[in-house]
Amino acid sequence: LRRRLTPRETARLQGFPEHFVLPKSSYNRLLGNAVAVPCAAHALRRVTDGTESTYLDICSGVGGFAFAAERVNPSLRCVGFSEIMPSAIECYSSNFPETPRLGDLTKIKDFPACDIVMAGFPCQPFSNANRHKFTVRHENVDFYQVVLDAIERSRCSRVVLENVSNFLTVGK
């Protein structure tokens, strides 16, 4: 007998808590591309010392980093999130209604100051799933520059980036 995972089962596999409000649409895509909460929590524990109080969540997806921050240090406060997919924005806002929506990262003029920037920026240009296209310049190959600009403009002292291992080698 074959069956597909339910949205809740998919969320559990990614480490989202039971109280996570599921996306209303595109759940396979949104949860499949989400940062795994336990992995993000592990990374946050390694870079935080407990003195940080604010973070900025860019390329936030459905909120994997936000749930990780909640797990690692419940007193951390998100000063804003940036995402472009409407269904991801709706899901994030359902789970974190008090967090300000900053919109498209490429169009933000003033970044809020924060202690930590967390980003799960697009990995398609660097993913092994895209290996056959490494010789073709992907439209998002330079997006990391936008992320670096956001990091600099937020004046943060700590950064956690989620991507794929090929990020370090594709395109040199």
N, C-alpha and C. Protein backbone atom coordinates (compact mmCIF):
# COMPACT_ATOMS: atom_id res chain seq x y z
N LEU A 1 0.84 -1.19 0.00
CA LEU A 1 0.00 0.00 0.00
C LEU A 1 0.88 1.24 0.00
N ARG A 2 0.59 2.18 -0.86
CA ARG A 2 1.34 3.44 -0.91
C ARG A 2 0.45 4.59 -0.50
N ARG A 3 1.03 5.52 0.17
CA ARG A 3 0.30 6.73 0.50
C ARG A 3 1.27 7.89 0.60
N ARG A 4 0.76 9.09 0.51
CA ARG A 4 1.59 10.29 0.64
C ARG A 4 1.58 10.75 2.08
N LEU A 5 2.65 11.45 2.46
CA LEU A 5 2.68 12.04 3.79
C LEU A 5 1.63 13.14 3.88
N THR A 6 1.02 13.25 5.03
CA THR A 6 0.10 14.36 5.25
C THR A 6 0.93 15.62 5.50
N PRO A 7 0.32 16.79 5.37
CA PRO A 7 1.07 18.02 5.68
C PRO A 7 1.64 18.00 7.11
N ARG A 8 0.89 17.51 8.07
CA ARG A 8 1.37 17.46 9.45
C ARG A 8 2.57 16.53 9.58
N GLU A 9 2.53 15.38 8.92
CA GLU A 9 3.67 14.46 8.96
C GLU A 9 4.91 15.09 8.34
N THR A 10 4.72 15.81 7.24
CA THR A 10 5.84 16.48 6.60
C THR A 10 6.44 17.52 7.54
N ALA A 11 5.59 18.29 8.20
CA ALA A 11 6.06 19.29 9.17
C ALA A 11 6.82 18.63 10.31
N ARG A 12 6.33 17.51 10.79
CA ARG A 12 7.02 16.78 11.87
C ARG A 12 8.42 16.34 11.42
N LEU A 13 8.53 15.84 10.18
CA LEU A 13 9.83 15.42 9.67
C LEU A 13 10.83 16.57 9.64
N GLN A 14 10.35 17.77 9.43
CA GLN A 14 11.22 18.95 9.40
C GLN A 14 11.43 19.54 10.80
N GLY A 15 10.81 18.93 11.81
CA GLY A 15 11.03 19.36 13.19
C GLY A 15 10.13 20.49 13.67
N PHE A 16 9.09 20.81 12.91
CA PHE A 16 8.18 21.86 13.35
C PHE A 16 7.34 21.36 14.51
N PRO A 17 7.02 22.23 15.46
CA PRO A 17 6.23 21.80 16.62
C PRO A 17 4.77 21.49 16.24
N GLU A 18 4.11 20.78 17.11
CA GLU A 18 2.71 20.39 16.85
C GLU A 18 1.79 21.61 16.72
N HIS A 19 2.11 22.72 17.36
CA HIS A 19 1.25 23.91 17.29
C HIS A 19 1.49 24.73 16.01
N PHE A 20 2.43 24.29 15.16
CA PHE A 20 2.72 24.96 13.90
C PHE A 20 1.46 25.02 13.05
N VAL A 21 1.08 26.22 12.63
CA VAL A 21 -0.06 26.40 11.74
C VAL A 21 0.44 26.09 10.33
N LEU A 22 -0.12 25.06 9.74
CA LEU A 22 0.33 24.58 8.43
C LEU A 22 0.02 25.57 7.30
N PRO A 23 0.83 25.53 6.23
CA PRO A 23 0.51 26.36 5.06
C PRO A 23 -0.83 25.93 4.47
N LYS A 24 -1.54 26.89 3.92
CA LYS A 24 -2.85 26.58 3.33
C LYS A 24 -2.71 25.99 1.93
N SER A 25 -1.57 26.21 1.29
CA SER A 25 -1.35 25.66 -0.05
C SER A 25 0.15 25.40 -0.23
N SER A 26 0.48 24.66 -1.25
CA SER A 26 1.88 24.37 -1.62
C SER A 26 2.69 23.81 -0.46
N TYR A 27 2.05 23.02 0.41
CA TYR A 27 2.78 22.57 1.60
C TYR A 27 4.00 21.72 1.27
N ASN A 28 3.94 20.89 0.24
CA ASN A 28 5.11 20.07 -0.12
C ASN A 28 6.30 20.95 -0.48
N ARG A 29 6.05 21.95 -1.29
CA ARG A 29 7.12 22.85 -1.71
C ARG A 29 7.63 23.67 -0.53
N LEU A 30 6.72 24.23 0.25
CA LEU A 30 7.11 25.10 1.36
C LEU A 30 7.84 24.33 2.46
N LEU A 31 7.32 23.18 2.83
CA LEU A 31 7.96 22.41 3.90
C LEU A 31 9.20 21.69 3.39
N GLY A 32 9.18 21.27 2.14
CA GLY A 32 10.35 20.61 1.57
C GLY A 32 11.54 21.54 1.43
N ASN A 33 11.28 22.83 1.24
CA ASN A 33 12.36 23.81 1.13
C ASN A 33 12.67 24.51 2.45
N ALA A 34 11.92 24.18 3.49
CA ALA A 34 12.13 24.84 4.78
C ALA A 34 13.42 24.38 5.43
N VAL A 35 14.00 25.28 6.19
CA VAL A 35 15.15 24.89 7.00
C VAL A 35 14.62 23.95 8.09
N ALA A 36 15.31 22.85 8.32
CA ALA A 36 14.89 21.90 9.36
C ALA A 36 15.12 22.55 10.72
N VAL A 37 14.09 22.59 11.52
CA VAL A 37 14.14 23.28 12.81
C VAL A 37 15.26 22.74 13.70
N PRO A 38 15.43 21.42 13.87
CA PRO A 38 16.54 20.94 14.73
C PRO A 38 17.92 21.37 14.23
N CYS A 39 18.12 21.39 12.92
CA CYS A 39 19.42 21.81 12.36
C CYS A 39 19.65 23.30 12.63
N ALA A 40 18.63 24.10 12.42
CA ALA A 40 18.74 25.54 12.67
C ALA A 40 18.99 25.80 14.16
N ALA A 41 18.31 25.05 15.03
CA ALA A 41 18.51 25.21 16.47
C ALA A 41 19.94 24.86 16.86
N HIS A 42 20.48 23.80 16.27
CA HIS A 42 21.86 23.41 16.54
C HIS A 42 22.82 24.54 16.14
N ALA A 43 22.62 25.09 14.95
CA ALA A 43 23.49 26.18 14.48
C ALA A 43 23.36 27.40 15.39
N LEU A 44 22.14 27.74 15.78
CA LEU A 44 21.95 28.89 16.66
C LEU A 44 22.63 28.70 18.02
N ARG A 45 22.56 27.51 18.55
CA ARG A 45 23.22 27.24 19.84
C ARG A 45 24.73 27.45 19.74
N ARG A 46 25.28 27.19 18.58
CA ARG A 46 26.73 27.30 18.39
C ARG A 46 27.20 28.74 18.23
N VAL A 47 26.32 29.64 17.82
CA VAL A 47 26.74 31.03 17.59
C VAL A 47 26.19 32.02 18.61
N THR A 48 25.29 31.59 19.45
CA THR A 48 24.74 32.52 20.43
C THR A 48 25.37 32.30 21.80
N ASP A 49 25.40 33.37 22.56
CA ASP A 49 25.92 33.25 23.93
C ASP A 49 24.88 33.69 24.96
N GLY A 50 23.66 33.92 24.51
CA GLY A 50 22.59 34.28 25.43
C GLY A 50 22.42 35.78 25.64
N THR A 51 23.33 36.58 25.11
CA THR A 51 23.21 38.03 25.29
C THR A 51 22.39 38.68 24.18
N GLU A 52 22.18 37.95 23.08
CA GLU A 52 21.43 38.51 21.97
C GLU A 52 19.94 38.60 22.33
N SER A 53 19.31 39.65 21.84
CA SER A 53 17.89 39.79 22.15
C SER A 53 17.01 39.92 20.90
N THR A 54 17.61 40.24 19.75
CA THR A 54 16.80 40.44 18.54
C THR A 54 17.41 39.73 17.35
N TYR A 55 16.54 39.39 16.41
CA TYR A 55 17.04 38.79 15.16
C TYR A 55 16.18 39.24 14.00
N LEU A 56 16.77 39.11 12.82
CA LEU A 56 16.12 39.41 11.55
C LEU A 56 16.08 38.10 10.78
N ASP A 57 14.91 37.73 10.27
CA ASP A 57 14.71 36.46 9.57
C ASP A 57 14.49 36.77 8.09
N ILE A 58 15.53 36.56 7.26
CA ILE A 58 15.41 36.87 5.84
C ILE A 58 15.38 35.59 5.02
N CYS A 59 14.68 35.66 3.89
CA CYS A 59 14.40 34.46 3.09
C CYS A 59 13.81 33.42 4.05
N SER A 60 12.83 33.84 4.78
CA SER A 60 12.33 33.13 5.96
C SER A 60 11.50 31.89 5.68
N GLY A 61 10.95 31.78 4.48
CA GLY A 61 10.08 30.63 4.22
C GLY A 61 8.92 30.62 5.21
N VAL A 62 8.61 29.44 5.74
CA VAL A 62 7.47 29.30 6.65
C VAL A 62 7.87 29.48 8.12
N GLY A 63 9.15 29.78 8.38
CA GLY A 63 9.55 30.10 9.74
C GLY A 63 10.41 29.08 10.47
N GLY A 64 11.16 28.27 9.75
CA GLY A 64 12.02 27.29 10.40
C GLY A 64 13.01 27.91 11.37
N PHE A 65 13.64 29.01 10.95
CA PHE A 65 14.58 29.69 11.85
C PHE A 65 13.86 30.30 13.04
N ALA A 66 12.67 30.83 12.83
CA ALA A 66 11.92 31.43 13.93
C ALA A 66 11.56 30.39 14.99
N PHE A 67 11.15 29.20 14.55
CA PHE A 67 10.85 28.14 15.51
C PHE A 67 12.12 27.66 16.21
N ALA A 68 13.23 27.65 15.49
CA ALA A 68 14.52 27.28 16.10
C ALA A 68 14.92 28.30 17.16
N ALA A 69 14.74 29.58 16.85
CA ALA A 69 15.07 30.64 17.81
C ALA A 69 14.20 30.51 19.07
N GLU A 70 12.93 30.21 18.84
CA GLU A 70 12.00 30.01 19.96
C GLU A 70 12.46 28.85 20.85
N ARG A 71 13.00 27.82 20.23
CA ARG A 71 13.47 26.64 20.94
C ARG A 71 14.76 26.92 21.72
N VAL A 72 15.68 27.67 21.10
CA VAL A 72 16.98 27.92 21.70
C VAL A 72 16.93 29.00 22.78
N ASN A 73 16.21 30.08 22.49
CA ASN A 73 16.12 31.20 23.43
C ASN A 73 14.77 31.87 23.27
N PRO A 74 13.78 31.48 24.08
CA PRO A 74 12.43 32.02 23.93
C PRO A 74 12.33 33.54 24.09
N SER A 75 13.37 34.17 24.65
CA SER A 75 13.30 35.63 24.82
C SER A 75 13.79 36.38 23.57
N LEU A 76 14.34 35.66 22.58
CA LEU A 76 14.73 36.32 21.33
C LEU A 76 13.49 36.89 20.64
N ARG A 77 13.61 38.11 20.13
CA ARG A 77 12.49 38.77 19.47
C ARG A 77 12.86 39.07 18.02
N CYS A 78 11.97 38.69 17.11
CA CYS A 78 12.20 38.93 15.69
C CYS A 78 11.78 40.36 15.34
N VAL A 79 12.70 41.13 14.76
CA VAL A 79 12.41 42.52 14.40
C VAL A 79 11.84 42.63 13.00
N GLY A 80 11.75 41.51 12.28
CA GLY A 80 11.15 41.52 10.96
C GLY A 80 11.53 40.29 10.16
N PHE A 81 10.66 39.95 9.21
CA PHE A 81 10.96 38.83 8.32
C PHE A 81 10.76 39.25 6.88
N SER A 82 11.55 38.65 6.00
CA SER A 82 11.48 38.95 4.58
C SER A 82 11.27 37.65 3.82
N GLU A 83 10.29 37.68 2.94
CA GLU A 83 9.94 36.51 2.11
C GLU A 83 9.16 37.03 0.91
N ILE A 84 9.23 36.30 -0.22
CA ILE A 84 8.49 36.75 -1.41
C ILE A 84 7.34 35.84 -1.79
N MET A 85 7.32 34.59 -1.31
CA MET A 85 6.24 33.67 -1.69
C MET A 85 4.99 33.96 -0.84
N PRO A 86 3.88 34.34 -1.48
CA PRO A 86 2.67 34.68 -0.72
C PRO A 86 2.21 33.59 0.25
N SER A 87 2.26 32.33 -0.16
CA SER A 87 1.80 31.27 0.73
C SER A 87 2.74 31.10 1.93
N ALA A 88 4.03 31.34 1.75
CA ALA A 88 4.98 31.28 2.87
C ALA A 88 4.76 32.46 3.81
N ILE A 89 4.52 33.64 3.25
CA ILE A 89 4.26 34.83 4.06
C ILE A 89 3.02 34.62 4.92
N GLU A 90 1.97 34.09 4.31
CA GLU A 90 0.73 33.83 5.03
C GLU A 90 0.96 32.83 6.18
N CYS A 91 1.71 31.78 5.90
CA CYS A 91 2.00 30.77 6.91
C CYS A 91 2.84 31.37 8.05
N TYR A 92 3.89 32.10 7.71
CA TYR A 92 4.76 32.72 8.72
C TYR A 92 3.93 33.65 9.61
N SER A 93 3.11 34.48 8.97
CA SER A 93 2.30 35.44 9.73
C SER A 93 1.25 34.75 10.60
N SER A 94 0.77 33.59 10.18
CA SER A 94 -0.17 32.83 10.99
C SER A 94 0.49 32.31 12.26
N ASN A 95 1.78 31.96 12.15
CA ASN A 95 2.51 31.43 13.29
C ASN A 95 3.16 32.52 14.14
N PHE A 96 3.49 33.63 13.53
CA PHE A 96 4.15 34.74 14.24
C PHE A 96 3.47 36.06 13.86
N PRO A 97 2.22 36.25 14.31
CA PRO A 97 1.45 37.42 13.87
C PRO A 97 2.02 38.77 14.28
N GLU A 98 2.83 38.82 15.32
CA GLU A 98 3.39 40.09 15.79
C GLU A 98 4.65 40.51 15.04
N THR A 99 5.21 39.60 14.25
CA THR A 99 6.47 39.90 13.55
C THR A 99 6.20 40.77 12.33
N PRO A 100 6.91 41.90 12.22
CA PRO A 100 6.71 42.79 11.07
C PRO A 100 7.12 42.13 9.75
N ARG A 101 6.29 42.32 8.73
CA ARG A 101 6.59 41.87 7.38
C ARG A 101 7.44 42.94 6.71
N LEU A 102 8.59 42.55 6.21
CA LEU A 102 9.46 43.52 5.55
C LEU A 102 9.35 43.47 4.03
N GLY A 103 8.75 42.40 3.50
CA GLY A 103 8.58 42.29 2.06
C GLY A 103 9.79 41.71 1.35
N ASP A 104 9.92 42.04 0.09
CA ASP A 104 10.97 41.54 -0.78
C ASP A 104 12.32 42.09 -0.32
N LEU A 105 13.26 41.20 -0.06
CA LEU A 105 14.58 41.58 0.44
C LEU A 105 15.28 42.58 -0.48
N THR A 106 15.07 42.45 -1.78
CA THR A 106 15.75 43.32 -2.75
C THR A 106 15.17 44.74 -2.74
N LYS A 107 14.04 44.93 -2.07
CA LYS A 107 13.39 46.25 -2.09
C LYS A 107 13.36 46.94 -0.73
N ILE A 108 13.95 46.33 0.28
CA ILE A 108 13.95 46.93 1.62
C ILE A 108 14.96 48.08 1.65
N LYS A 109 14.50 49.25 2.06
CA LYS A 109 15.37 50.43 2.13
C LYS A 109 16.10 50.50 3.47
N ASP A 110 15.34 50.36 4.56
CA ASP A 110 15.91 50.47 5.90
C ASP A 110 15.76 49.15 6.64
N PHE A 111 16.87 48.55 6.97
CA PHE A 111 16.85 47.30 7.72
C PHE A 111 16.84 47.60 9.21
N PRO A 112 15.99 46.90 9.95
CA PRO A 112 16.02 47.11 11.40
C PRO A 112 17.33 46.57 11.98
N ALA A 113 17.86 47.28 12.97
CA ALA A 113 19.06 46.81 13.65
C ALA A 113 18.71 45.55 14.44
N CYS A 114 19.67 44.63 14.55
CA CYS A 114 19.43 43.39 15.27
C CYS A 114 20.75 42.79 15.72
N ASP A 115 20.65 41.78 16.57
CA ASP A 115 21.84 41.07 17.04
C ASP A 115 22.24 39.93 16.12
N ILE A 116 21.24 39.24 15.55
CA ILE A 116 21.49 38.07 14.71
C ILE A 116 20.69 38.19 13.41
N VAL A 117 21.31 37.82 12.30
CA VAL A 117 20.59 37.66 11.04
C VAL A 117 20.59 36.18 10.71
N MET A 118 19.40 35.66 10.39
CA MET A 118 19.25 34.27 9.96
C MET A 118 18.70 34.29 8.54
N ALA A 119 19.28 33.47 7.68
CA ALA A 119 18.83 33.46 6.29
C ALA A 119 18.92 32.07 5.69
N GLY A 120 17.86 31.68 5.02
CA GLY A 120 17.83 30.44 4.26
C GLY A 120 17.64 30.77 2.80
N PHE A 121 18.59 31.50 2.24
CA PHE A 121 18.43 32.02 0.88
C PHE A 121 18.44 30.93 -0.18
N PRO A 122 17.95 31.24 -1.39
CA PRO A 122 17.78 30.23 -2.44
C PRO A 122 19.04 29.42 -2.72
N CYS A 123 18.84 28.09 -2.79
CA CYS A 123 19.98 27.20 -3.01
C CYS A 123 20.01 26.62 -4.42
N GLN A 124 19.02 26.91 -5.24
CA GLN A 124 18.94 26.29 -6.57
C GLN A 124 20.22 26.44 -7.39
N PRO A 125 20.90 27.60 -7.35
CA PRO A 125 22.10 27.70 -8.17
C PRO A 125 23.24 26.78 -7.72
N PHE A 126 23.16 26.28 -6.49
CA PHE A 126 24.27 25.52 -5.91
C PHE A 126 23.93 24.07 -5.60
N SER A 127 22.67 23.70 -5.75
CA SER A 127 22.21 22.37 -5.36
C SER A 127 22.66 21.28 -6.33
N ASN A 128 22.94 20.10 -5.80
CA ASN A 128 23.25 18.95 -6.66
C ASN A 128 22.08 18.61 -7.58
N ALA A 129 20.87 18.94 -7.16
CA ALA A 129 19.70 18.70 -8.00
C ALA A 129 19.77 19.52 -9.27
N ASN A 130 20.58 20.56 -9.25
CA ASN A 130 20.73 21.45 -10.39
C ASN A 130 22.08 21.24 -11.08
N ARG A 131 22.75 20.15 -10.76
CA ARG A 131 24.12 19.88 -11.23
C ARG A 131 24.25 20.00 -12.75
N HIS A 132 23.25 19.51 -13.48
CA HIS A 132 23.33 19.55 -14.95
C HIS A 132 23.32 20.98 -15.48
N LYS A 133 22.93 21.92 -14.64
CA LYS A 133 22.85 23.31 -15.09
C LYS A 133 24.00 24.16 -14.56
N PHE A 134 24.99 23.56 -13.90
CA PHE A 134 26.09 24.35 -13.34
C PHE A 134 26.82 25.16 -14.40
N THR A 135 26.77 24.70 -15.63
CA THR A 135 27.44 25.44 -16.69
C THR A 135 26.61 26.63 -17.16
N VAL A 136 25.33 26.66 -16.79
CA VAL A 136 24.44 27.75 -17.15
C VAL A 136 24.29 28.66 -15.94
N ARG A 137 24.40 29.93 -16.14
CA ARG A 137 24.28 30.88 -15.05
C ARG A 137 22.83 30.93 -14.56
N HIS A 138 22.61 30.56 -13.30
CA HIS A 138 21.28 30.57 -12.71
C HIS A 138 20.92 32.00 -12.30
N GLU A 139 19.64 32.34 -12.42
CA GLU A 139 19.20 33.71 -12.11
C GLU A 139 19.46 34.12 -10.66
N ASN A 140 19.54 33.18 -9.74
CA ASN A 140 19.77 33.52 -8.33
C ASN A 140 21.22 33.32 -7.88
N VAL A 141 22.13 33.12 -8.79
CA VAL A 141 23.51 32.80 -8.40
C VAL A 141 24.17 33.93 -7.61
N ASP A 142 23.78 35.16 -7.82
CA ASP A 142 24.37 36.29 -7.11
C ASP A 142 23.49 36.80 -5.96
N PHE A 143 22.43 36.08 -5.66
CA PHE A 143 21.51 36.56 -4.61
C PHE A 143 22.20 36.66 -3.25
N TYR A 144 23.23 35.87 -3.04
CA TYR A 144 23.94 35.94 -1.76
C TYR A 144 24.47 37.35 -1.50
N GLN A 145 24.73 38.12 -2.57
CA GLN A 145 25.18 39.50 -2.41
C GLN A 145 24.11 40.35 -1.73
N VAL A 146 22.85 40.09 -2.07
CA VAL A 146 21.73 40.80 -1.43
C VAL A 146 21.67 40.44 0.05
N VAL A 147 21.91 39.16 0.34
CA VAL A 147 21.93 38.70 1.73
C VAL A 147 23.07 39.37 2.49
N LEU A 148 24.25 39.43 1.89
CA LEU A 148 25.39 40.08 2.54
C LEU A 148 25.12 41.56 2.80
N ASP A 149 24.45 42.21 1.86
CA ASP A 149 24.09 43.62 2.05
C ASP A 149 23.13 43.77 3.23
N ALA A 150 22.17 42.88 3.33
CA ALA A 150 21.22 42.94 4.45
C ALA A 150 21.93 42.73 5.78
N ILE A 151 22.89 41.81 5.79
CA ILE A 151 23.66 41.55 7.01
C ILE A 151 24.41 42.82 7.43
N GLU A 152 25.07 43.43 6.47
CA GLU A 152 25.84 44.64 6.77
C GLU A 152 24.93 45.78 7.25
N ARG A 153 23.83 45.98 6.57
CA ARG A 153 22.94 47.10 6.89
C ARG A 153 22.17 46.90 8.19
N SER A 154 22.04 45.66 8.65
CA SER A 154 21.33 45.40 9.91
C SER A 154 22.24 45.62 11.12
N ARG A 155 23.54 45.73 10.87
CA ARG A 155 24.53 45.94 11.93
C ARG A 155 24.52 44.83 12.98
N CYS A 156 24.27 43.61 12.54
CA CYS A 156 24.23 42.47 13.46
C CYS A 156 25.64 42.04 13.86
N SER A 157 25.72 41.28 14.92
CA SER A 157 27.02 40.76 15.35
C SER A 157 27.15 39.26 15.10
N ARG A 158 26.04 38.59 14.78
CA ARG A 158 26.04 37.14 14.54
C ARG A 158 25.20 36.83 13.30
N VAL A 159 25.59 35.77 12.58
CA VAL A 159 24.90 35.38 11.36
C VAL A 159 24.77 33.86 11.31
N VAL A 160 23.61 33.37 10.89
CA VAL A 160 23.41 31.95 10.62
C VAL A 160 22.81 31.85 9.22
N LEU A 161 23.55 31.20 8.32
CA LEU A 161 23.09 31.01 6.95
C LEU A 161 22.84 29.54 6.70
N GLU A 162 21.75 29.24 6.02
CA GLU A 162 21.43 27.87 5.64
C GLU A 162 21.50 27.79 4.12
N ASN A 163 22.29 26.85 3.63
CA ASN A 163 22.36 26.63 2.19
C ASN A 163 22.90 25.24 1.96
N VAL A 164 23.47 25.00 0.81
CA VAL A 164 24.00 23.67 0.47
C VAL A 164 25.52 23.74 0.37
N SER A 165 26.17 22.60 0.49
CA SER A 165 27.63 22.57 0.51
C SER A 165 28.25 23.13 -0.78
N ASN A 166 27.60 22.96 -1.90
CA ASN A 166 28.16 23.47 -3.17
C ASN A 166 28.24 24.98 -3.23
N PHE A 167 27.61 25.66 -2.30
CA PHE A 167 27.65 27.12 -2.25
C PHE A 167 29.10 27.61 -2.24
N LEU A 168 29.96 26.86 -1.60
CA LEU A 168 31.36 27.25 -1.46
C LEU A 168 32.18 27.04 -2.72
N THR A 169 31.67 26.25 -3.67
CA THR A 169 32.50 25.92 -4.82
C THR A 169 31.93 26.32 -6.18
N VAL A 170 30.62 26.38 -6.32
CA VAL A 170 30.03 26.69 -7.63
C VAL A 170 30.35 28.13 -8.03
N GLY A 171 30.90 28.29 -9.19
CA GLY A 171 31.21 29.62 -9.70
C GLY A 171 32.40 30.27 -9.00
N LYS A 172 33.07 29.54 -8.17
CA LYS A 172 34.24 30.03 -7.42
C LYS A 172 33.88 31.22 -6.57
